[in-house]
Amino acid sequence: MANLSDAAMFESFLAERFRAHEACHGCPPLRSVAAWFDEVLGLLVPERSERRYASAAEFEGHAHELQARLAGLVAVVRASGPTPDTVAARFMACLPALHARIAEDVAAIDAGDPAATSSSDVARTYPGVLAIAAYRVAHALHGLDVPLLPRILSAYAHGATGIDIHPAARIGRHFCIDHGTGVVIGATAVIGNRVKVYQGVTLGGLSVRKEDAAVKRHPTIEDDVVIYAGATILGGETVIGQGSVIGGNVWVTRSVAPGSRLSYRVGDSAEGSGTAAGAVIQGGAP
């Protein structure tokens, strides 16, 4: 009797799960979105391509195929607004600008890392390139009001690199992420030009309340700032002034002037063991 009851419960569970699948609209296959992005990145950056083209016509044909595939993905996630074909065409029109931005990011990483041997090796192997490129593509789709796909792309890049950049963040040109594991950049963060970020950096919010969803909760990083490993910068009103250097493991919740130097101060304990006091030192402009 127990077996019959268990079987009936299992059948009921399967029926309930089937109804949930029927009701789950707007769910493109995650692997399809990731594969589309990988091919778009390969189109823009030859070092990232798994294809070689016999002719310019074949190359152009692949670009049109990627446009058609994007239209198909948009059709799954969007029920109103411009047609999927229109959205896909608008995205493809962004490719020249996306290529220029990604090339600048590759150059910034190559210039900023003494271990880099060439821009070609950086483009091919550095996780920061994949994460930033995924952000650039996701941000373009976000700007076209495409739902879900930008977040899928950011989740894909996060899984592949350990770098989590929200598609809505605003990031300027020549962006460098060195190493990168554990970097988190929130949705309302604003980052200027020529900013360099190391691993473990968080640009986050002081509040995680749902009612603050429409409020700027993440910091603004002005041009030419360097943020070293493990630094945490929080708050929508926090501004890191142009040309500042934020040292490793520093915790910042208020604005700092341009040209500041912040570091994690080491103080003496009662026993004189030199334990970290955790204070922040703010220096003046250099």
C-alpha atoms as a PDB file:
ATOM      1  CA  MET A   1       0.000   0.000   0.000  1.00  0.00           C
ATOM      2  CA  ALA A   2       2.860   2.296   0.884  1.00  0.00           C
ATOM      3  CA  ASN A   3       4.412   1.649  -2.535  1.00  0.00           C
ATOM      4  CA  LEU A   4       1.153   2.554  -4.309  1.00  0.00           C
ATOM      5  CA  SER A   5       0.894   5.729  -2.256  1.00  0.00           C
ATOM      6  CA  ASP A   6       4.480   6.643  -3.060  1.00  0.00           C
ATOM      7  CA  ALA A   7       3.875   6.028  -6.758  1.00  0.00           C
ATOM      8  CA  ALA A   8       0.750   8.190  -6.728  1.00  0.00           C
ATOM      9  CA  MET A   9       2.601  10.990  -4.974  1.00  0.00           C
ATOM     10  CA  PHE A  10       5.391  10.798  -7.530  1.00  0.00           C
ATOM     11  CA  GLU A  11       2.930  10.929 -10.425  1.00  0.00           C
ATOM     12  CA  SER A  12       1.240  13.928  -8.835  1.00  0.00           C
ATOM     13  CA  PHE A  13       4.618  15.617  -8.418  1.00  0.00           C
ATOM     14  CA  LEU A  14       5.483  15.032 -12.082  1.00  0.00           C
ATOM     15  CA  ALA A  15       2.119  16.436 -13.176  1.00  0.00           C
ATOM     16  CA  GLU A  16       2.670  19.553 -11.059  1.00  0.00           C
ATOM     17  CA  ARG A  17       6.191  20.003 -12.462  1.00  0.00           C
ATOM     18  CA  PHE A  18       4.892  19.613 -16.018  1.00  0.00           C
ATOM     19  CA  ARG A  19       2.369  22.409 -15.431  1.00  0.00           C
ATOM     20  CA  ALA A  20       5.204  24.577 -14.123  1.00  0.00           C
ATOM     21  CA  HIS A  21       7.180  23.904 -17.314  1.00  0.00           C
ATOM     22  CA  GLU A  22       4.153  24.805 -19.428  1.00  0.00           C
ATOM     23  CA  ALA A  23       3.801  28.090 -17.541  1.00  0.00           C
ATOM     24  CA  CYS A  24       7.503  28.965 -17.804  1.00  0.00           C
ATOM     25  CA  HIS A  25       7.531  31.347 -20.747  1.00  0.00           C
ATOM     26  CA  GLY A  26      10.481  33.494 -21.714  1.00  0.00           C
ATOM     27  CA  CYS A  27      13.122  30.954 -20.686  1.00  0.00           C
ATOM     28  CA  PRO A  28      15.776  30.753 -23.405  1.00  0.00           C
ATOM     29  CA  PRO A  29      18.298  27.924 -22.986  1.00  0.00           C
ATOM     30  CA  LEU A  30      21.207  29.306 -20.994  1.00  0.00           C
ATOM     31  CA  ARG A  31      23.717  27.408 -23.102  1.00  0.00           C
ATOM     32  CA  SER A  32      22.248  28.910 -26.271  1.00  0.00           C
ATOM     33  CA  VAL A  33      22.727  32.447 -24.931  1.00  0.00           C
ATOM     34  CA  ALA A  34      26.298  31.685 -23.826  1.00  0.00           C
ATOM     35  CA  ALA A  35      27.137  30.060 -27.158  1.00  0.00           C
ATOM     36  CA  TRP A  36      25.750  33.063 -29.042  1.00  0.00           C
ATOM     37  CA  PHE A  37      27.892  35.431 -26.964  1.00  0.00           C
ATOM     38  CA  ASP A  38      31.037  33.327 -27.442  1.00  0.00           C
ATOM     39  CA  GLU A  39      30.556  33.504 -31.202  1.00  0.00           C
ATOM     40  CA  VAL A  40      29.890  37.251 -31.128  1.00  0.00           C
ATOM     41  CA  LEU A  41      33.082  37.731 -29.113  1.00  0.00           C
ATOM     42  CA  GLY A  42      34.924  35.519 -31.583  1.00  0.00           C
ATOM     43  CA  LEU A  43      33.598  37.664 -34.426  1.00  0.00           C
ATOM     44  CA  LEU A  44      35.010  40.778 -32.745  1.00  0.00           C
ATOM     45  CA  VAL A  45      38.220  39.288 -31.313  1.00  0.00           C
ATOM     46  CA  PRO A  46      39.917  36.702 -33.578  1.00  0.00           C
ATOM     47  CA  GLU A  47      41.911  35.260 -30.671  1.00  0.00           C
ATOM     48  CA  ARG A  48      38.606  34.229 -29.062  1.00  0.00           C
ATOM     49  CA  SER A  49      37.178  32.609 -32.186  1.00  0.00           C
ATOM     50  CA  GLU A  50      36.826  28.855 -32.592  1.00  0.00           C
ATOM     51  CA  ARG A  51      36.128  29.313 -36.297  1.00  0.00           C
ATOM     52  CA  ARG A  52      38.302  30.170 -39.259  1.00  0.00           C
ATOM     53  CA  TYR A  53      36.690  31.634 -42.354  1.00  0.00           C
ATOM     54  CA  ALA A  54      37.481  30.661 -45.922  1.00  0.00           C
ATOM     55  CA  SER A  55      36.223  33.967 -47.321  1.00  0.00           C
ATOM     56  CA  ALA A  56      34.843  37.383 -46.436  1.00  0.00           C
ATOM     57  CA  ALA A  57      31.447  36.159 -47.643  1.00  0.00           C
ATOM     58  CA  GLU A  58      31.530  33.321 -45.114  1.00  0.00           C
ATOM     59  CA  PHE A  59      32.491  35.764 -42.363  1.00  0.00           C
ATOM     60  CA  GLU A  60      29.637  38.102 -43.307  1.00  0.00           C
ATOM     61  CA  GLY A  61      27.237  35.181 -43.494  1.00  0.00           C
ATOM     62  CA  HIS A  62      28.155  34.154 -39.943  1.00  0.00           C
ATOM     63  CA  ALA A  63      27.457  37.698 -38.737  1.00  0.00           C
ATOM     64  CA  HIS A  64      23.992  37.566 -40.303  1.00  0.00           C
ATOM     65  CA  GLU A  65      23.437  34.154 -38.709  1.00  0.00           C
ATOM     66  CA  LEU A  66      24.296  35.593 -35.278  1.00  0.00           C
ATOM     67  CA  GLN A  67      21.841  38.424 -35.905  1.00  0.00           C
ATOM     68  CA  ALA A  68      19.098  35.914 -36.717  1.00  0.00           C
ATOM     69  CA  ARG A  69      19.926  33.864 -33.615  1.00  0.00           C
ATOM     70  CA  LEU A  70      19.700  36.972 -31.443  1.00  0.00           C
ATOM     71  CA  ALA A  71      16.300  37.790 -32.942  1.00  0.00           C
ATOM     72  CA  GLY A  72      15.177  34.289 -31.993  1.00  0.00           C
ATOM     73  CA  LEU A  73      16.392  34.722 -28.412  1.00  0.00           C
ATOM     74  CA  VAL A  74      14.732  38.133 -28.115  1.00  0.00           C
ATOM     75  CA  ALA A  75      11.471  36.653 -29.399  1.00  0.00           C
ATOM     76  CA  VAL A  76      11.501  34.234 -26.451  1.00  0.00           C
ATOM     77  CA  VAL A  77      12.037  36.855 -23.729  1.00  0.00           C
ATOM     78  CA  ARG A  78      10.158  39.879 -25.083  1.00  0.00           C
ATOM     79  CA  ALA A  79       6.470  40.036 -25.958  1.00  0.00           C
ATOM     80  CA  SER A  80       6.073  43.749 -26.739  1.00  0.00           C
ATOM     81  CA  GLY A  81       7.965  46.727 -28.091  1.00  0.00           C
ATOM     82  CA  PRO A  82      10.113  46.730 -31.247  1.00  0.00           C
ATOM     83  CA  THR A  83      10.164  43.488 -33.190  1.00  0.00           C
ATOM     84  CA  PRO A  84      12.921  40.961 -32.428  1.00  0.00           C
ATOM     85  CA  ASP A  85      14.372  41.580 -35.898  1.00  0.00           C
ATOM     86  CA  THR A  86      14.547  45.313 -35.177  1.00  0.00           C
ATOM     87  CA  VAL A  87      16.237  44.766 -31.818  1.00  0.00           C
ATOM     88  CA  ALA A  88      18.749  42.361 -33.337  1.00  0.00           C
ATOM     89  CA  ALA A  89      19.548  44.807 -36.148  1.00  0.00           C
ATOM     90  CA  ARG A  90      20.064  47.618 -33.634  1.00  0.00           C
ATOM     91  CA  PHE A  91      22.412  45.451 -31.615  1.00  0.00           C
ATOM     92  CA  MET A  92      24.449  44.493 -34.673  1.00  0.00           C
ATOM     93  CA  ALA A  93      24.766  48.201 -35.484  1.00  0.00           C
ATOM     94  CA  CYS A  94      26.507  48.537 -32.094  1.00  0.00           C
ATOM     95  CA  LEU A  95      29.259  46.066 -33.041  1.00  0.00           C
ATOM     96  CA  PRO A  96      31.769  48.643 -34.338  1.00  0.00           C
ATOM     97  CA  ALA A  97      31.557  50.594 -31.065  1.00  0.00           C
ATOM     98  CA  LEU A  98      31.682  47.384 -29.008  1.00  0.00           C
ATOM     99  CA  HIS A  99      34.776  46.258 -30.897  1.00  0.00           C
ATOM    100  CA  ALA A 100      36.472  49.610 -30.256  1.00  0.00           C
ATOM    101  CA  ARG A 101      35.686  49.490 -26.526  1.00  0.00           C
ATOM    102  CA  ILE A 102      36.829  45.879 -26.106  1.00  0.00           C
ATOM    103  CA  ALA A 103      40.056  46.613 -28.009  1.00  0.00           C
ATOM    104  CA  GLU A 104      40.706  49.523 -25.629  1.00  0.00           C
ATOM    105  CA  ASP A 105      40.072  47.257 -22.628  1.00  0.00           C
ATOM    106  CA  VAL A 106      42.510  44.658 -23.976  1.00  0.00           C
ATOM    107  CA  ALA A 107      45.129  47.385 -24.495  1.00  0.00           C
ATOM    108  CA  ALA A 108      44.540  48.697 -20.959  1.00  0.00           C
ATOM    109  CA  ILE A 109      45.040  45.250 -19.441  1.00  0.00           C
ATOM    110  CA  ASP A 110      48.141  44.638 -21.575  1.00  0.00           C
ATOM    111  CA  ALA A 111      49.606  47.997 -20.529  1.00  0.00           C
ATOM    112  CA  GLY A 112      48.699  47.541 -16.860  1.00  0.00           C
ATOM    113  CA  ASP A 113      50.040  44.048 -16.238  1.00  0.00           C
ATOM    114  CA  PRO A 114      53.841  43.556 -16.217  1.00  0.00           C
ATOM    115  CA  ALA A 115      53.279  39.834 -16.773  1.00  0.00           C
ATOM    116  CA  ALA A 116      51.410  40.410 -20.047  1.00  0.00           C
ATOM    117  CA  THR A 117      53.532  39.506 -23.066  1.00  0.00           C
ATOM    118  CA  SER A 118      51.280  40.843 -25.824  1.00  0.00           C
ATOM    119  CA  SER A 119      47.795  42.153 -26.448  1.00  0.00           C
ATOM    120  CA  SER A 120      47.098  38.970 -28.427  1.00  0.00           C
ATOM    121  CA  ASP A 121      47.854  36.778 -25.407  1.00  0.00           C
ATOM    122  CA  VAL A 122      45.772  39.065 -23.197  1.00  0.00           C
ATOM    123  CA  ALA A 123      42.822  38.830 -25.578  1.00  0.00           C
ATOM    124  CA  ARG A 124      43.107  35.061 -25.734  1.00  0.00           C
ATOM    125  CA  THR A 125      43.672  34.099 -22.099  1.00  0.00           C
ATOM    126  CA  TYR A 126      42.861  36.823 -19.563  1.00  0.00           C
ATOM    127  CA  PRO A 127      39.615  36.363 -17.592  1.00  0.00           C
ATOM    128  CA  GLY A 128      39.199  40.126 -17.338  1.00  0.00           C
ATOM    129  CA  VAL A 129      38.778  40.321 -21.111  1.00  0.00           C
ATOM    130  CA  LEU A 130      35.953  37.778 -21.103  1.00  0.00           C
ATOM    131  CA  ALA A 131      34.203  39.426 -18.147  1.00  0.00           C
ATOM    132  CA  ILE A 132      34.463  42.970 -19.493  1.00  0.00           C
ATOM    133  CA  ALA A 133      33.430  41.919 -23.012  1.00  0.00           C
ATOM    134  CA  ALA A 134      30.409  40.083 -21.616  1.00  0.00           C
ATOM    135  CA  TYR A 135      29.541  43.228 -19.677  1.00  0.00           C
ATOM    136  CA  ARG A 136      29.880  45.401 -22.807  1.00  0.00           C
ATOM    137  CA  VAL A 137      27.566  43.125 -24.801  1.00  0.00           C
ATOM    138  CA  ALA A 138      25.116  42.733 -21.900  1.00  0.00           C
ATOM    139  CA  HIS A 139      25.086  46.508 -21.315  1.00  0.00           C
ATOM    140  CA  ALA A 140      24.264  47.096 -24.989  1.00  0.00           C
ATOM    141  CA  LEU A 141      21.343  44.661 -24.758  1.00  0.00           C
ATOM    142  CA  HIS A 142      20.250  46.292 -21.501  1.00  0.00           C
ATOM    143  CA  GLY A 143      20.227  49.639 -23.296  1.00  0.00           C
ATOM    144  CA  LEU A 144      17.930  48.134 -25.916  1.00  0.00           C
ATOM    145  CA  ASP A 145      15.496  47.118 -23.136  1.00  0.00           C
ATOM    146  CA  VAL A 146      16.044  43.418 -23.744  1.00  0.00           C
ATOM    147  CA  PRO A 147      14.977  41.527 -20.592  1.00  0.00           C
ATOM    148  CA  LEU A 148      16.751  38.530 -19.048  1.00  0.00           C
ATOM    149  CA  LEU A 149      19.453  38.036 -21.707  1.00  0.00           C
ATOM    150  CA  PRO A 150      21.835  40.622 -20.160  1.00  0.00           C
ATOM    151  CA  ARG A 151      21.578  38.931 -16.757  1.00  0.00           C
ATOM    152  CA  ILE A 152      22.161  35.524 -18.334  1.00  0.00           C
ATOM    153  CA  LEU A 153      25.341  36.874 -19.927  1.00  0.00           C
ATOM    154  CA  SER A 154      26.590  38.355 -16.652  1.00  0.00           C
ATOM    155  CA  ALA A 155      25.862  35.067 -14.877  1.00  0.00           C
ATOM    156  CA  TYR A 156      27.744  33.173 -17.596  1.00  0.00           C
ATOM    157  CA  ALA A 157      30.793  35.440 -17.274  1.00  0.00           C
ATOM    158  CA  HIS A 158      30.609  35.220 -13.477  1.00  0.00           C
ATOM    159  CA  GLY A 159      30.656  31.434 -13.615  1.00  0.00           C
ATOM    160  CA  ALA A 160      33.551  31.410 -16.075  1.00  0.00           C
ATOM    161  CA  THR A 161      35.731  34.057 -14.391  1.00  0.00           C
ATOM    162  CA  GLY A 162      34.521  34.757 -10.850  1.00  0.00           C
ATOM    163  CA  ILE A 163      33.891  38.375 -11.902  1.00  0.00           C
ATOM    164  CA  ASP A 164      30.351  39.669 -11.342  1.00  0.00           C
ATOM    165  CA  ILE A 165      29.439  42.852 -13.258  1.00  0.00           C
ATOM    166  CA  HIS A 166      25.812  43.915 -13.413  1.00  0.00           C
ATOM    167  CA  PRO A 167      24.741  44.817 -16.975  1.00  0.00           C
ATOM    168  CA  ALA A 168      23.245  48.123 -15.807  1.00  0.00           C
ATOM    169  CA  ALA A 169      26.528  49.432 -14.380  1.00  0.00           C
ATOM    170  CA  ARG A 170      28.103  52.301 -16.324  1.00  0.00           C
ATOM    171  CA  ILE A 171      31.757  51.707 -17.145  1.00  0.00           C
ATOM    172  CA  GLY A 172      33.972  54.014 -19.155  1.00  0.00           C
ATOM    173  CA  ARG A 173      36.757  53.348 -21.612  1.00  0.00           C
ATOM    174  CA  HIS A 174      40.116  51.597 -21.119  1.00  0.00           C
ATOM    175  CA  PHE A 175      38.847  49.490 -18.205  1.00  0.00           C
ATOM    176  CA  CYS A 176      41.353  47.068 -16.679  1.00  0.00           C
ATOM    177  CA  ILE A 177      40.548  44.132 -14.399  1.00  0.00           C
ATOM    178  CA  ASP A 178      43.748  42.333 -13.361  1.00  0.00           C
ATOM    179  CA  HIS A 179      43.360  38.743 -12.104  1.00  0.00           C
ATOM    180  CA  GLY A 180      39.766  39.555 -11.213  1.00  0.00           C
ATOM    181  CA  THR A 181      38.443  36.652  -9.154  1.00  0.00           C
ATOM    182  CA  GLY A 182      35.904  37.922  -6.649  1.00  0.00           C
ATOM    183  CA  VAL A 183      35.309  41.321  -8.255  1.00  0.00           C
ATOM    184  CA  VAL A 184      31.717  42.544  -7.759  1.00  0.00           C
ATOM    185  CA  ILE A 185      30.352  45.658  -9.501  1.00  0.00           C
ATOM    186  CA  GLY A 186      26.769  46.588  -8.640  1.00  0.00           C
ATOM    187  CA  ALA A 187      23.965  47.748 -10.892  1.00  0.00           C
ATOM    188  CA  THR A 188      24.152  51.476 -10.153  1.00  0.00           C
ATOM    189  CA  ALA A 189      27.947  51.747 -10.030  1.00  0.00           C
ATOM    190  CA  VAL A 190      29.491  54.399 -12.269  1.00  0.00           C
ATOM    191  CA  ILE A 191      33.112  53.941 -13.350  1.00  0.00           C
ATOM    192  CA  GLY A 192      35.086  56.480 -15.331  1.00  0.00           C
ATOM    193  CA  ASN A 193      37.864  56.074 -17.877  1.00  0.00           C
ATOM    194  CA  ARG A 194      41.219  54.347 -17.351  1.00  0.00           C
ATOM    195  CA  VAL A 195      40.213  52.703 -14.075  1.00  0.00           C
ATOM    196  CA  LYS A 196      42.162  49.654 -12.885  1.00  0.00           C
ATOM    197  CA  VAL A 197      40.689  47.076 -10.500  1.00  0.00           C
ATOM    198  CA  TYR A 198      42.371  44.079  -8.892  1.00  0.00           C
ATOM    199  CA  GLN A 199      40.905  40.855  -7.534  1.00  0.00           C
ATOM    200  CA  GLY A 200      38.446  40.775  -4.663  1.00  0.00           C
ATOM    201  CA  VAL A 201      37.212  44.350  -5.117  1.00  0.00           C
ATOM    202  CA  THR A 202      33.572  45.109  -4.259  1.00  0.00           C
ATOM    203  CA  LEU A 203      31.715  48.172  -5.517  1.00  0.00           C
ATOM    204  CA  GLY A 204      28.554  47.551  -3.543  1.00  0.00           C
ATOM    205  CA  GLY A 205      25.624  49.020  -1.692  1.00  0.00           C
ATOM    206  CA  LEU A 206      25.245  49.976   1.941  1.00  0.00           C
ATOM    207  CA  SER A 207      21.627  48.840   1.776  1.00  0.00           C
ATOM    208  CA  VAL A 208      20.111  45.656   0.374  1.00  0.00           C
ATOM    209  CA  ARG A 209      16.488  46.666   0.957  1.00  0.00           C
ATOM    210  CA  LYS A 210      14.101  45.957  -1.906  1.00  0.00           C
ATOM    211  CA  GLU A 211      12.559  49.411  -1.603  1.00  0.00           C
ATOM    212  CA  ASP A 212      15.929  50.884  -2.603  1.00  0.00           C
ATOM    213  CA  ALA A 213      15.946  49.084  -5.948  1.00  0.00           C
ATOM    214  CA  ALA A 214      15.424  52.300  -7.922  1.00  0.00           C
ATOM    215  CA  VAL A 215      17.939  54.309  -5.852  1.00  0.00           C
ATOM    216  CA  LYS A 216      21.628  54.744  -6.701  1.00  0.00           C
ATOM    217  CA  ARG A 217      23.181  52.391  -4.159  1.00  0.00           C
ATOM    218  CA  HIS A 218      26.648  51.785  -5.556  1.00  0.00           C
ATOM    219  CA  PRO A 219      29.672  54.099  -5.676  1.00  0.00           C
ATOM    220  CA  THR A 220      31.026  56.375  -8.376  1.00  0.00           C
ATOM    221  CA  ILE A 221      34.664  55.857  -9.384  1.00  0.00           C
ATOM    222  CA  GLU A 222      36.127  58.784 -11.298  1.00  0.00           C
ATOM    223  CA  ASP A 223      38.801  58.654 -14.008  1.00  0.00           C
ATOM    224  CA  ASP A 224      42.296  57.210 -13.481  1.00  0.00           C
ATOM    225  CA  VAL A 225      41.565  55.476 -10.176  1.00  0.00           C
ATOM    226  CA  VAL A 226      43.409  52.310  -9.088  1.00  0.00           C
ATOM    227  CA  ILE A 227      41.683  49.951  -6.628  1.00  0.00           C
ATOM    228  CA  TYR A 228      43.887  47.233  -5.160  1.00  0.00           C
ATOM    229  CA  ALA A 229      42.966  43.715  -4.085  1.00  0.00           C
ATOM    230  CA  GLY A 230      40.310  43.187  -1.455  1.00  0.00           C
ATOM    231  CA  ALA A 231      39.124  46.794  -1.261  1.00  0.00           C
ATOM    232  CA  THR A 232      35.435  47.380  -0.526  1.00  0.00           C
ATOM    233  CA  ILE A 233      33.734  50.619  -1.581  1.00  0.00           C
ATOM    234  CA  LEU A 234      30.080  51.014  -0.628  1.00  0.00           C
ATOM    235  CA  GLY A 235      27.234  53.484  -1.010  1.00  0.00           C
ATOM    236  CA  GLY A 236      25.503  55.397  -3.747  1.00  0.00           C
ATOM    237  CA  GLU A 237      26.769  58.754  -2.508  1.00  0.00           C
ATOM    238  CA  THR A 238      30.377  57.566  -2.227  1.00  0.00           C
ATOM    239  CA  VAL A 239      32.641  59.136  -4.853  1.00  0.00           C
ATOM    240  CA  ILE A 240      36.284  58.171  -5.321  1.00  0.00           C
ATOM    241  CA  GLY A 241      37.939  61.263  -6.745  1.00  0.00           C
ATOM    242  CA  GLN A 242      39.941  61.286  -9.963  1.00  0.00           C
ATOM    243  CA  GLY A 243      43.456  59.855  -9.769  1.00  0.00           C
ATOM    244  CA  SER A 244      43.012  58.305  -6.319  1.00  0.00           C
ATOM    245  CA  VAL A 245      44.643  55.042  -5.242  1.00  0.00           C
ATOM    246  CA  ILE A 246      42.665  52.732  -2.934  1.00  0.00           C
ATOM    247  CA  GLY A 247      44.949  50.279  -1.176  1.00  0.00           C
ATOM    248  CA  GLY A 248      44.339  46.610  -0.550  1.00  0.00           C
ATOM    249  CA  ASN A 249      41.668  45.610   2.001  1.00  0.00           C
ATOM    250  CA  VAL A 250      40.545  49.208   2.567  1.00  0.00           C
ATOM    251  CA  TRP A 251      36.872  49.675   3.494  1.00  0.00           C
ATOM    252  CA  VAL A 252      35.400  52.953   2.158  1.00  0.00           C
ATOM    253  CA  THR A 253      31.893  54.273   2.841  1.00  0.00           C
ATOM    254  CA  ARG A 254      32.357  58.005   2.226  1.00  0.00           C
ATOM    255  CA  SER A 255      33.739  60.110  -0.594  1.00  0.00           C
ATOM    256  CA  VAL A 256      37.441  60.893  -0.981  1.00  0.00           C
ATOM    257  CA  ALA A 257      38.994  63.865  -2.754  1.00  0.00           C
ATOM    258  CA  PRO A 258      40.764  63.603  -6.104  1.00  0.00           C
ATOM    259  CA  GLY A 259      44.354  62.428  -5.804  1.00  0.00           C
ATOM    260  CA  SER A 260      43.819  60.702  -2.453  1.00  0.00           C
ATOM    261  CA  ARG A 261      45.874  57.730  -1.266  1.00  0.00           C
ATOM    262  CA  LEU A 262      44.066  55.338   1.077  1.00  0.00           C
ATOM    263  CA  SER A 263      45.754  52.411   2.786  1.00  0.00           C
ATOM    264  CA  TYR A 264      45.075  49.825   5.466  1.00  0.00           C
ATOM    265  CA  ARG A 265      46.968  51.023   8.535  1.00  0.00           C
ATOM    266  CA  VAL A 266      48.912  48.598  10.700  1.00  0.00           C
ATOM    267  CA  GLY A 267      48.919  49.524  14.391  1.00  0.00           C
ATOM    268  CA  ASP A 268      50.527  48.100  17.470  1.00  0.00           C
ATOM    269  CA  SER A 269      48.495  45.992  19.879  1.00  0.00           C
ATOM    270  CA  ALA A 270      48.936  46.177  23.652  1.00  0.00           C
ATOM    271  CA  GLU A 271      51.542  43.433  23.330  1.00  0.00           C
ATOM    272  CA  GLY A 272      53.234  45.257  20.476  1.00  0.00           C
ATOM    273  CA  SER A 273      52.587  42.421  18.030  1.00  0.00           C
ATOM    274  CA  GLY A 274      51.773  44.720  15.127  1.00  0.00           C
ATOM    275  CA  THR A 275      48.197  43.558  14.534  1.00  0.00           C
ATOM    276  CA  ALA A 276      46.148  45.356  11.906  1.00  0.00           C
ATOM    277  CA  ALA A 277      44.143  48.211  13.330  1.00  0.00           C
ATOM    278  CA  GLY A 278      41.934  48.443  10.252  1.00  0.00           C
ATOM    279  CA  ALA A 279      41.959  52.240  10.036  1.00  0.00           C
ATOM    280  CA  VAL A 280      42.055  54.148   6.762  1.00  0.00           C
ATOM    281  CA  ILE A 281      44.625  56.858   6.096  1.00  0.00           C
ATOM    282  CA  GLN A 282      43.637  59.536   3.613  1.00  0.00           C
ATOM    283  CA  GLY A 283      46.507  61.386   2.004  1.00  0.00           C
ATOM    284  CA  GLY A 284      46.312  64.590   0.061  1.00  0.00           C
ATOM    285  CA  ALA A 285      46.755  64.999  -3.645  1.00  0.00           C
ATOM    286  CA  PRO A 286      50.227  64.034  -4.847  1.00  0.00           C
END
